[in-house]
N, C-alpha and C. Protein backbone atom coordinates (compact mmCIF):
# COMPACT_ATOMS: atom_id res chain seq x y z
N MET A 1 -117.29 -1.14 -97.18
CA MET A 1 -117.01 -2.07 -95.80
C MET A 1 -117.97 -2.97 -95.73
N LEU A 2 -117.94 -3.95 -95.09
CA LEU A 2 -118.73 -4.85 -94.49
C LEU A 2 -119.03 -4.43 -93.16
N LYS A 3 -120.34 -4.43 -92.81
CA LYS A 3 -121.25 -3.95 -91.48
C LYS A 3 -121.26 -5.34 -90.69
N TYR A 4 -121.06 -5.36 -89.28
CA TYR A 4 -121.41 -6.38 -88.61
C TYR A 4 -122.36 -5.99 -87.81
N GLY A 5 -123.12 -7.45 -87.10
CA GLY A 5 -124.40 -7.02 -86.53
C GLY A 5 -124.52 -8.20 -85.37
N LEU A 6 -125.55 -8.35 -84.74
CA LEU A 6 -125.63 -9.39 -83.71
C LEU A 6 -127.34 -9.90 -84.22
N LEU A 7 -127.60 -11.11 -84.25
CA LEU A 7 -128.77 -11.92 -84.75
C LEU A 7 -129.17 -12.66 -83.54
N ILE A 8 -130.15 -12.06 -82.89
CA ILE A 8 -130.76 -12.67 -81.43
C ILE A 8 -131.89 -13.59 -81.68
N GLU A 9 -132.02 -14.80 -81.69
CA GLU A 9 -133.02 -15.86 -81.63
C GLU A 9 -133.93 -15.85 -80.39
N TYR A 10 -134.76 -14.57 -79.81
CA TYR A 10 -135.20 -14.62 -78.55
C TYR A 10 -136.33 -15.74 -78.07
N ASN A 11 -136.57 -16.55 -79.16
CA ASN A 11 -137.19 -17.67 -78.70
C ASN A 11 -136.59 -18.85 -78.05
N TYR A 12 -135.20 -18.65 -78.00
CA TYR A 12 -134.55 -19.55 -76.98
C TYR A 12 -133.66 -18.70 -75.80
N CYS A 13 -133.87 -17.48 -75.92
CA CYS A 13 -133.21 -17.02 -74.52
C CYS A 13 -133.69 -17.28 -73.49
N THR A 14 -133.09 -17.61 -72.19
CA THR A 14 -133.55 -18.02 -70.89
C THR A 14 -133.57 -17.04 -69.91
N GLY A 15 -132.90 -16.05 -70.32
CA GLY A 15 -133.06 -14.83 -69.43
C GLY A 15 -131.80 -14.89 -68.24
N CYS A 16 -130.93 -15.52 -68.67
CA CYS A 16 -129.84 -15.84 -67.83
C CYS A 16 -128.89 -14.90 -67.36
N HIS A 17 -128.90 -13.86 -68.15
CA HIS A 17 -128.11 -12.52 -68.02
C HIS A 17 -126.68 -12.81 -68.31
N ALA A 18 -126.19 -13.83 -68.83
CA ALA A 18 -124.71 -14.12 -69.02
C ALA A 18 -124.16 -13.13 -69.74
N CYS A 19 -124.92 -12.82 -70.90
CA CYS A 19 -124.45 -11.68 -71.61
C CYS A 19 -124.21 -10.41 -71.41
N GLU A 20 -125.14 -9.78 -70.37
CA GLU A 20 -124.85 -8.68 -69.66
C GLU A 20 -123.82 -8.67 -68.77
N VAL A 21 -123.69 -9.80 -67.71
CA VAL A 21 -122.58 -9.80 -67.02
C VAL A 21 -121.19 -9.83 -67.86
N ALA A 22 -121.17 -10.52 -69.00
CA ALA A 22 -119.72 -10.79 -69.69
C ALA A 22 -119.32 -9.61 -70.19
N CYS A 23 -120.54 -8.50 -70.94
CA CYS A 23 -120.40 -7.42 -71.26
C CYS A 23 -119.85 -6.58 -70.40
N GLN A 24 -120.27 -6.36 -69.38
CA GLN A 24 -120.11 -5.53 -68.23
C GLN A 24 -118.90 -5.54 -67.60
N GLN A 25 -118.08 -7.03 -67.51
CA GLN A 25 -116.88 -7.26 -67.22
C GLN A 25 -115.83 -7.00 -67.92
N GLU A 26 -116.17 -7.40 -69.15
CA GLU A 26 -115.41 -6.92 -70.50
C GLU A 26 -114.93 -5.66 -70.60
N HIS A 27 -115.73 -4.80 -70.43
CA HIS A 27 -115.60 -3.33 -70.60
C HIS A 27 -115.39 -2.51 -69.24
N ASP A 28 -115.45 -3.16 -68.35
CA ASP A 28 -115.39 -2.46 -67.04
C ASP A 28 -116.40 -1.29 -66.78
N PHE A 29 -117.76 -1.56 -67.21
CA PHE A 29 -118.69 -0.54 -67.15
C PHE A 29 -119.23 -0.55 -65.63
N PRO A 30 -119.59 0.71 -65.02
CA PRO A 30 -120.01 0.61 -63.59
C PRO A 30 -121.44 -0.06 -63.59
N ALA A 31 -121.76 -0.23 -62.26
CA ALA A 31 -123.19 -0.55 -62.30
C ALA A 31 -124.25 0.14 -62.68
N GLY A 32 -125.21 -0.54 -63.45
CA GLY A 32 -126.17 0.16 -64.25
C GLY A 32 -126.08 0.63 -65.55
N LYS A 33 -124.79 0.52 -66.02
CA LYS A 33 -124.30 0.69 -67.19
C LYS A 33 -123.88 -0.63 -68.06
N ASN A 34 -124.25 -0.94 -69.21
CA ASN A 34 -124.10 -1.99 -70.11
C ASN A 34 -124.16 -1.77 -71.27
N GLY A 35 -123.64 -2.87 -72.32
CA GLY A 35 -123.89 -2.88 -73.54
C GLY A 35 -125.16 -3.67 -74.20
N ILE A 36 -125.48 -4.53 -73.23
CA ILE A 36 -126.66 -5.12 -73.95
C ILE A 36 -127.48 -5.37 -72.13
N LYS A 37 -128.69 -5.41 -72.37
CA LYS A 37 -129.66 -5.71 -71.65
C LYS A 37 -130.77 -6.19 -71.80
N VAL A 38 -130.97 -7.27 -70.91
CA VAL A 38 -131.85 -8.55 -71.31
C VAL A 38 -133.24 -8.16 -70.74
N THR A 39 -134.46 -7.94 -71.21
CA THR A 39 -136.00 -7.35 -70.71
C THR A 39 -136.80 -8.50 -70.94
N GLU A 40 -137.48 -8.64 -69.57
CA GLU A 40 -138.34 -9.72 -69.33
C GLU A 40 -139.77 -9.07 -69.98
N TYR A 41 -140.63 -10.09 -70.61
CA TYR A 41 -141.90 -9.78 -71.28
C TYR A 41 -142.57 -10.78 -70.91
N VAL A 42 -143.95 -10.40 -69.80
CA VAL A 42 -144.67 -11.32 -69.52
C VAL A 42 -146.13 -11.19 -70.02
N TYR A 43 -146.59 -11.97 -70.55
CA TYR A 43 -147.93 -11.78 -71.27
C TYR A 43 -148.82 -12.93 -71.18
N GLU A 44 -150.36 -12.85 -71.36
CA GLU A 44 -151.17 -13.80 -71.34
C GLU A 44 -151.61 -14.25 -72.84
N THR A 45 -151.12 -15.55 -73.24
CA THR A 45 -151.85 -16.02 -74.75
C THR A 45 -152.74 -17.05 -74.17
N TYR A 46 -154.07 -16.80 -74.88
CA TYR A 46 -154.99 -17.85 -74.69
C TYR A 46 -155.53 -18.10 -73.01
N ALA A 47 -154.73 -19.55 -73.05
CA ALA A 47 -155.14 -20.04 -71.59
C ALA A 47 -154.03 -19.82 -70.75
N LYS A 48 -152.80 -19.47 -71.26
CA LYS A 48 -151.49 -19.56 -70.45
C LYS A 48 -150.76 -18.37 -70.45
N MET A 49 -150.02 -18.06 -69.66
CA MET A 49 -149.08 -17.13 -69.25
C MET A 49 -147.81 -17.47 -70.16
N SER A 50 -147.22 -16.41 -70.63
CA SER A 50 -145.94 -16.49 -71.57
C SER A 50 -144.82 -15.70 -70.93
N ILE A 51 -143.68 -16.30 -71.02
CA ILE A 51 -142.44 -15.22 -70.79
C ILE A 51 -141.52 -15.16 -71.86
N ASP A 52 -141.35 -14.11 -72.31
CA ASP A 52 -140.33 -13.96 -73.34
C ASP A 52 -139.15 -12.92 -72.85
N TYR A 53 -137.73 -13.30 -73.01
CA TYR A 53 -136.62 -12.76 -72.84
C TYR A 53 -135.82 -12.05 -73.95
N LEU A 54 -135.78 -10.82 -74.08
CA LEU A 54 -135.27 -10.39 -75.45
C LEU A 54 -134.06 -9.32 -74.84
N PRO A 55 -132.67 -9.67 -75.43
CA PRO A 55 -131.72 -9.01 -75.27
C PRO A 55 -131.89 -7.64 -76.03
N PHE A 56 -131.49 -6.54 -75.74
CA PHE A 56 -131.37 -5.34 -76.37
C PHE A 56 -130.00 -4.85 -76.34
N LEU A 57 -129.56 -4.10 -77.53
CA LEU A 57 -128.28 -3.35 -77.34
C LEU A 57 -128.35 -2.33 -77.05
N THR A 58 -127.42 -1.52 -76.21
CA THR A 58 -127.56 -0.12 -75.65
C THR A 58 -126.56 0.68 -76.63
N ASP A 59 -126.61 1.99 -76.19
CA ASP A 59 -125.53 2.75 -76.78
C ASP A 59 -124.37 2.57 -76.64
N LEU A 60 -123.91 1.93 -75.70
CA LEU A 60 -122.72 1.61 -75.31
C LEU A 60 -122.20 0.31 -75.82
N CYS A 61 -122.73 -0.40 -76.60
CA CYS A 61 -122.29 -1.59 -77.64
C CYS A 61 -121.17 -1.12 -78.56
N ASP A 62 -120.18 -1.74 -78.74
CA ASP A 62 -119.31 -1.58 -79.63
C ASP A 62 -119.20 -2.77 -80.51
N LEU A 63 -120.04 -3.88 -80.19
CA LEU A 63 -119.67 -5.33 -80.86
C LEU A 63 -118.37 -6.07 -80.58
N CYS A 64 -117.77 -5.58 -79.46
CA CYS A 64 -116.60 -5.86 -78.81
C CYS A 64 -115.27 -5.83 -80.26
N ILE A 65 -115.51 -4.85 -80.84
CA ILE A 65 -114.67 -4.61 -82.10
C ILE A 65 -113.42 -5.06 -81.96
N GLN A 66 -112.82 -4.62 -80.89
CA GLN A 66 -111.15 -4.95 -80.59
C GLN A 66 -111.29 -6.76 -80.71
N LYS A 67 -112.05 -7.39 -79.93
CA LYS A 67 -112.09 -8.62 -80.12
C LYS A 67 -112.34 -9.15 -81.77
N SER A 68 -113.31 -8.48 -82.37
CA SER A 68 -113.44 -9.16 -83.55
C SER A 68 -112.29 -8.78 -84.64
N ARG A 69 -111.67 -7.80 -84.20
CA ARG A 69 -110.21 -7.52 -84.96
C ARG A 69 -109.23 -8.79 -85.01
N GLU A 70 -109.48 -9.28 -83.87
CA GLU A 70 -108.49 -10.31 -83.24
C GLU A 70 -108.93 -11.77 -83.76
N GLY A 71 -110.18 -11.67 -84.45
CA GLY A 71 -110.71 -13.19 -84.52
C GLY A 71 -111.64 -13.67 -83.60
N GLU A 72 -112.25 -12.99 -82.71
CA GLU A 72 -112.79 -13.38 -81.66
C GLU A 72 -114.12 -12.89 -81.90
N GLU A 73 -115.31 -13.81 -81.23
CA GLU A 73 -116.63 -13.33 -81.11
C GLU A 73 -116.90 -12.25 -80.00
N PRO A 74 -117.74 -11.50 -80.26
CA PRO A 74 -118.13 -10.51 -78.87
C PRO A 74 -118.13 -11.06 -77.64
N VAL A 75 -117.86 -10.79 -76.51
CA VAL A 75 -118.25 -11.64 -75.17
C VAL A 75 -119.86 -12.09 -75.14
N CYS A 76 -120.65 -11.06 -75.52
CA CYS A 76 -122.21 -11.55 -75.34
C CYS A 76 -122.30 -13.08 -76.08
N VAL A 77 -121.64 -13.05 -77.25
CA VAL A 77 -121.93 -14.08 -78.00
C VAL A 77 -121.33 -15.46 -77.20
N LYS A 78 -119.93 -15.31 -76.93
CA LYS A 78 -119.10 -16.26 -76.50
C LYS A 78 -119.84 -16.99 -75.13
N HIS A 79 -120.46 -15.97 -74.25
CA HIS A 79 -121.02 -16.32 -73.16
C HIS A 79 -122.69 -16.79 -73.15
N CYS A 80 -123.17 -16.80 -73.90
CA CYS A 80 -124.63 -16.82 -74.16
C CYS A 80 -124.76 -18.10 -73.97
N GLN A 81 -125.61 -18.60 -72.90
CA GLN A 81 -125.98 -20.08 -72.34
C GLN A 81 -127.14 -20.80 -73.46
N ALA A 82 -127.45 -20.18 -73.98
CA ALA A 82 -128.65 -20.68 -74.64
C ALA A 82 -128.08 -20.61 -76.22
N ALA A 83 -127.13 -20.06 -76.67
CA ALA A 83 -126.38 -20.04 -77.96
C ALA A 83 -127.49 -19.43 -78.89
N CYS A 84 -128.18 -18.35 -78.19
CA CYS A 84 -128.94 -17.60 -79.06
C CYS A 84 -128.41 -16.32 -79.79
N ILE A 85 -127.37 -15.93 -79.44
CA ILE A 85 -126.81 -14.98 -80.19
C ILE A 85 -125.76 -15.23 -81.27
N GLN A 86 -125.96 -14.53 -82.54
CA GLN A 86 -125.12 -15.02 -83.35
C GLN A 86 -124.39 -13.46 -83.85
N PHE A 87 -123.01 -13.52 -84.30
CA PHE A 87 -122.28 -12.35 -84.85
C PHE A 87 -121.76 -12.53 -86.11
N GLY A 88 -121.75 -11.50 -86.94
CA GLY A 88 -121.31 -11.72 -88.53
C GLY A 88 -122.16 -10.48 -89.24
N TYR A 89 -121.58 -10.96 -90.54
CA TYR A 89 -121.96 -9.80 -91.37
C TYR A 89 -123.28 -9.50 -91.72
N ILE A 90 -124.30 -8.64 -91.91
CA ILE A 90 -125.32 -7.83 -92.07
C ILE A 90 -126.03 -9.22 -93.14
N GLY A 91 -125.40 -9.11 -94.35
CA GLY A 91 -126.13 -9.69 -94.91
C GLY A 91 -126.19 -11.15 -94.98
N GLU A 92 -125.18 -12.11 -94.15
CA GLU A 92 -125.62 -13.34 -93.75
C GLU A 92 -126.73 -13.45 -92.62
N LEU A 93 -126.25 -12.38 -91.78
CA LEU A 93 -127.58 -12.62 -90.84
C LEU A 93 -128.94 -12.43 -91.16
N VAL A 94 -129.10 -11.55 -92.04
CA VAL A 94 -130.39 -11.63 -92.89
C VAL A 94 -130.91 -12.65 -93.41
N LYS A 95 -130.00 -13.57 -93.92
CA LYS A 95 -130.30 -14.94 -94.82
C LYS A 95 -130.87 -15.77 -93.63
N GLU A 96 -130.12 -15.88 -92.52
CA GLU A 96 -130.70 -16.84 -91.46
C GLU A 96 -132.06 -16.21 -90.71
N MET A 97 -132.12 -14.83 -90.90
CA MET A 97 -133.60 -14.51 -90.19
C MET A 97 -134.71 -15.11 -91.08
N GLU A 98 -134.61 -15.60 -92.19
CA GLU A 98 -135.50 -16.15 -93.15
C GLU A 98 -135.80 -17.29 -92.90
N LYS A 99 -135.02 -17.98 -92.14
CA LYS A 99 -135.04 -19.33 -91.93
C LYS A 99 -136.06 -19.54 -90.59
N ARG A 100 -135.83 -18.84 -89.58
CA ARG A 100 -136.75 -18.92 -88.40
C ARG A 100 -137.18 -17.74 -87.74
N PRO A 101 -138.36 -17.83 -87.02
CA PRO A 101 -139.43 -16.81 -86.61
C PRO A 101 -138.60 -16.24 -85.25
N LYS A 102 -138.83 -15.51 -84.85
CA LYS A 102 -138.74 -14.75 -83.34
C LYS A 102 -137.04 -14.09 -83.32
N MET A 103 -136.86 -13.58 -84.56
CA MET A 103 -135.35 -13.49 -84.38
C MET A 103 -135.43 -11.92 -84.51
N VAL A 104 -134.43 -11.10 -84.05
CA VAL A 104 -134.07 -9.68 -84.00
C VAL A 104 -132.68 -9.16 -84.55
N LEU A 105 -132.50 -8.52 -85.61
CA LEU A 105 -131.15 -8.14 -85.98
C LEU A 105 -130.96 -6.60 -85.62
N TYR A 106 -129.41 -6.59 -84.63
CA TYR A 106 -129.08 -5.64 -84.27
C TYR A 106 -127.95 -4.85 -84.93
N THR A 107 -127.95 -3.69 -85.00
CA THR A 107 -126.65 -2.98 -85.83
C THR A 107 -126.27 -2.05 -85.09
N PRO A 108 -124.82 -1.91 -85.12
CA PRO A 108 -124.34 -0.83 -84.23
C PRO A 108 -124.59 0.71 -84.93
N ARG A 109 -124.78 1.86 -84.02
CA ARG A 109 -125.11 2.83 -84.81
C ARG A 109 -124.29 3.35 -85.97
């Protein structure tokens, strides 16, 4: 069986939290619970300050498996304003990782 995952190119994540909102609404999670959480990292590089945003999957993420079975993308992918989240087979996503820096591959438990 082929396994699915999410590939996140966090170099382009703007920290809009649209993925969090879409996930929470899709799954009707209560406040404070979510399948994806965007974390902000602030750090100093040479003479300037930098900020990175990194979406992390939580244990509540099921990759919207029901939507996937119906041929749709997970809601976090669909609503990502920066289009920096990809959904697909792990083998294909690994090939994408080789092309660009600052990418993270998440797979469900």
